[in-house]
């Protein structure tokens, strides 16, 4: 990620992800993000001013304010612990960390595939990947590298891919400059 040649300011995009999935991306084994829309990596690279398109695009991972998956009766954390990541903090621990509404790290996305093109044995793919029988097409955004922030950055999020403000972008750029 380099600074934009137009304004000489870094441009950084973020993705809001619900817990426990945000933690699974930044601190755990999750290297695939499911969405109902494709990730246009080339466009994000062009907007950021980066000149290394073959290495993907760094996107900040912002923790949603929703605690829906952390309710007592929700099995999400238990399923993740049983299927693929025993070290996942409990729902109570994730609530105590209070990272809601904060950027906790950055992930480098390298390719976007149709869910049909991802093997079914990938636990992060989910079971609603097909486009048949009226279901929406699903896309799998593939991550190859992550970096946790030492101190999460509080900011207002949005749905989809969104651009962080200039001050946060500069801070994130400094965090990852050693990685690019």
Protein backbone atom coordinates (compact mmCIF):
# COMPACT_ATOMS: atom_id res chain seq x y z
CA UNK A 1 0.00 0.00 0.00
CA UNK A 2 1.46 3.33 -0.96
CA UNK A 3 0.18 6.84 -0.66
CA UNK A 4 -2.06 8.17 -3.37
CA UNK A 5 -0.18 10.11 -6.02
CA UNK A 6 -3.16 12.43 -6.54
CA UNK A 7 -3.45 13.84 -3.01
CA UNK A 8 -0.27 12.39 -1.46
CA UNK A 9 -2.47 10.94 1.29
CA UNK A 10 -2.86 7.27 2.00
CA UNK A 11 -6.23 5.81 1.07
CA UNK A 12 -7.29 2.80 3.07
CA UNK A 13 -10.46 0.74 2.90
CA UNK A 14 -12.12 -1.26 5.67
CA UNK A 15 -14.54 -4.12 5.97
CA UNK A 16 -16.89 -4.44 8.94
CA UNK A 17 -17.07 -8.03 10.20
CA UNK A 18 -19.13 -9.42 13.08
CA UNK A 19 -17.53 -11.18 16.01
CA UNK A 20 -16.29 -13.85 16.41
CA UNK A 21 -15.35 -13.80 12.72
CA UNK A 22 -13.27 -10.60 12.92
CA UNK A 23 -11.14 -12.18 15.65
CA UNK A 24 -10.90 -15.39 13.61
CA UNK A 25 -9.46 -13.39 10.70
CA UNK A 26 -6.94 -11.30 12.64
CA UNK A 27 -5.91 -13.69 15.42
CA UNK A 28 -6.99 -17.07 14.11
CA UNK A 29 -7.09 -19.32 11.07
CA UNK A 30 -9.86 -17.66 9.02
CA UNK A 31 -8.43 -16.86 5.58
CA UNK A 32 -11.66 -16.70 3.63
CA UNK A 33 -14.44 -14.12 3.95
CA UNK A 34 -17.89 -14.85 2.49
CA UNK A 35 -19.96 -12.12 0.90
CA UNK A 36 -22.84 -11.90 -1.57
CA UNK A 37 -20.86 -9.50 -3.76
CA UNK A 38 -17.43 -9.80 -5.36
CA UNK A 39 -14.35 -7.96 -4.12
CA UNK A 40 -12.88 -5.81 -6.90
CA UNK A 41 -9.24 -5.95 -5.84
CA UNK A 42 -7.94 -4.12 -8.93
CA UNK A 43 -10.27 -1.19 -8.33
CA UNK A 44 -9.27 -0.88 -4.66
CA UNK A 45 -5.60 -1.03 -5.58
CA UNK A 46 -6.10 1.71 -8.17
CA UNK A 47 -7.96 3.90 -5.65
CA UNK A 48 -5.27 3.41 -3.02
CA UNK A 49 -2.44 4.39 -5.33
CA UNK A 50 -0.55 1.15 -4.71
CA UNK A 51 1.72 -0.03 -7.48
CA UNK A 52 1.91 -3.75 -6.63
CA UNK A 53 -1.37 -5.19 -8.00
CA UNK A 54 -0.17 -8.79 -7.97
CA UNK A 55 0.19 -8.75 -4.18
CA UNK A 56 -3.44 -8.01 -3.36
CA UNK A 57 -4.92 -5.21 -1.32
CA UNK A 58 -4.71 -4.48 2.42
CA UNK A 59 -8.11 -3.92 4.02
CA UNK A 60 -8.72 -2.95 7.63
CA UNK A 61 -10.87 -5.37 9.61
CA UNK A 62 -13.44 -3.41 11.62
CA UNK A 63 -15.44 -5.19 14.33
CA UNK A 64 -19.18 -4.72 13.97
CA UNK A 65 -21.10 -3.27 16.90
CA UNK A 66 -23.47 -6.25 16.71
CA UNK A 67 -23.13 -8.86 19.44
CA UNK A 68 -25.69 -11.18 17.83
CA UNK A 69 -23.27 -14.13 17.49
CA UNK A 70 -22.16 -13.75 21.11
CA UNK A 71 -25.54 -14.25 22.80
CA UNK A 72 -25.86 -17.10 25.31
CA UNK A 73 -27.97 -19.30 23.05
CA UNK A 74 -26.02 -18.66 19.85
CA UNK A 75 -23.84 -21.65 18.90
CA UNK A 76 -21.41 -19.76 16.63
CA UNK A 77 -18.43 -19.68 19.02
CA UNK A 78 -18.91 -23.31 20.03
CA UNK A 79 -19.10 -24.46 16.42
CA UNK A 80 -15.89 -22.60 15.54
CA UNK A 81 -14.10 -24.09 18.57
CA UNK A 82 -15.20 -27.60 17.65
CA UNK A 83 -14.60 -27.36 13.90
CA UNK A 84 -11.43 -25.42 13.44
CA UNK A 85 -10.05 -23.20 16.21
CA UNK A 86 -9.96 -24.45 19.78
CA UNK A 87 -8.18 -21.28 20.94
CA UNK A 88 -11.08 -18.98 20.04
CA UNK A 89 -11.85 -16.82 23.08
CA UNK A 90 -15.26 -17.43 24.61
CA UNK A 91 -18.18 -15.16 23.80
CA UNK A 92 -17.79 -13.55 27.24
CA UNK A 93 -14.08 -12.92 26.64
CA UNK A 94 -14.82 -11.34 23.27
CA UNK A 95 -17.40 -9.09 24.91
CA UNK A 96 -14.91 -8.10 27.65
CA UNK A 97 -12.29 -7.14 25.06
CA UNK A 98 -14.85 -4.59 23.86
CA UNK A 99 -13.42 -4.23 20.35
CA UNK A 100 -16.85 -3.42 18.95
CA UNK A 101 -16.67 -0.44 16.60
CA UNK A 102 -12.88 -0.70 16.33
CA UNK A 103 -10.36 -1.70 13.69
CA UNK A 104 -8.39 -4.60 15.16
CA UNK A 105 -6.03 -5.33 12.28
CA UNK A 106 -5.47 -5.47 8.57
CA UNK A 107 -5.74 -8.35 6.11
CA UNK A 108 -4.31 -8.66 2.63
CA UNK A 109 -6.92 -9.98 0.22
CA UNK A 110 -5.39 -11.58 -2.85
CA UNK A 111 -8.25 -13.03 -4.90
CA UNK A 112 -12.03 -13.24 -5.04
CA UNK A 113 -13.62 -16.52 -6.15
CA UNK A 114 -17.17 -17.68 -6.67
CA UNK A 115 -18.07 -19.95 -3.76
CA UNK A 116 -18.65 -22.77 -6.25
CA UNK A 117 -14.91 -22.64 -7.04
CA UNK A 118 -13.85 -23.17 -3.41
CA UNK A 119 -13.64 -26.75 -2.09
CA UNK A 120 -16.60 -27.73 0.08
CA UNK A 121 -14.29 -28.96 2.85
CA UNK A 122 -13.24 -25.40 3.66
CA UNK A 123 -15.09 -24.77 6.96
CA UNK A 124 -15.17 -21.03 6.36
CA UNK A 125 -16.97 -21.37 3.03
CA UNK A 126 -20.34 -21.96 4.66
CA UNK A 127 -23.11 -24.11 3.27
CA UNK A 128 -25.02 -21.54 1.24
CA UNK A 129 -22.47 -21.10 -1.55
CA UNK A 130 -24.57 -22.16 -4.50
CA UNK A 131 -26.54 -19.89 -6.76
CA UNK A 132 -29.16 -22.51 -7.59
CA UNK A 133 -32.79 -22.55 -6.42
CA UNK A 134 -33.03 -18.79 -5.96
CA UNK A 135 -30.06 -18.38 -3.60
CA UNK A 136 -27.78 -15.40 -4.07
CA UNK A 137 -24.39 -16.06 -5.57
CA UNK A 138 -21.75 -16.16 -2.82
CA UNK A 139 -18.16 -15.01 -3.17
CA UNK A 140 -15.12 -16.05 -1.18
CA UNK A 141 -12.50 -13.39 -0.61
CA UNK A 142 -9.15 -15.08 0.01
CA UNK A 143 -6.68 -13.67 2.55
CA UNK A 144 -2.97 -14.52 2.55
CA UNK A 145 -1.59 -12.32 5.35
CA UNK A 146 -2.84 -10.47 8.42
CA UNK A 147 -1.46 -8.06 10.97
CA UNK A 148 -3.07 -7.33 14.33
CA UNK A 149 -2.94 -3.76 15.59
CA UNK A 150 -1.28 -3.36 18.99
CA UNK A 151 -4.02 -0.94 19.95
CA UNK A 152 -7.41 -1.20 18.19
CA UNK A 153 -8.56 2.02 16.52
CA UNK A 154 -12.06 3.23 17.31
CA UNK A 155 -14.04 4.49 14.34
CA UNK A 156 -17.51 4.46 12.89
CA UNK A 157 -17.98 1.64 10.44
CA UNK A 158 -20.23 1.00 7.51
CA UNK A 159 -21.51 -1.95 5.53
CA UNK A 160 -19.54 -3.34 2.64
CA UNK A 161 -16.16 -1.93 1.73
CA UNK A 162 -15.75 1.62 2.96
CA UNK A 163 -12.98 4.20 3.07
CA UNK A 164 -11.55 5.13 6.46
CA UNK A 165 -10.85 8.79 7.24
CA UNK A 166 -7.45 10.29 6.42
CA UNK A 167 -6.06 10.22 9.97
CA UNK A 168 -6.88 6.54 10.46
CA UNK A 169 -5.61 5.71 6.96
CA UNK A 170 -2.26 7.30 7.80
CA UNK A 171 -2.05 5.32 11.05
CA UNK A 172 -2.89 2.05 9.30
CA UNK A 173 -0.45 2.76 6.50
CA UNK A 174 2.33 3.26 9.06
CA UNK A 175 1.39 -0.05 10.73
CA UNK A 176 1.74 -2.04 7.53
CA UNK A 177 4.49 -0.12 5.74
CA UNK A 178 6.99 -2.72 6.90
CA UNK A 179 4.90 -5.47 5.25
CA UNK A 180 4.68 -4.09 1.74
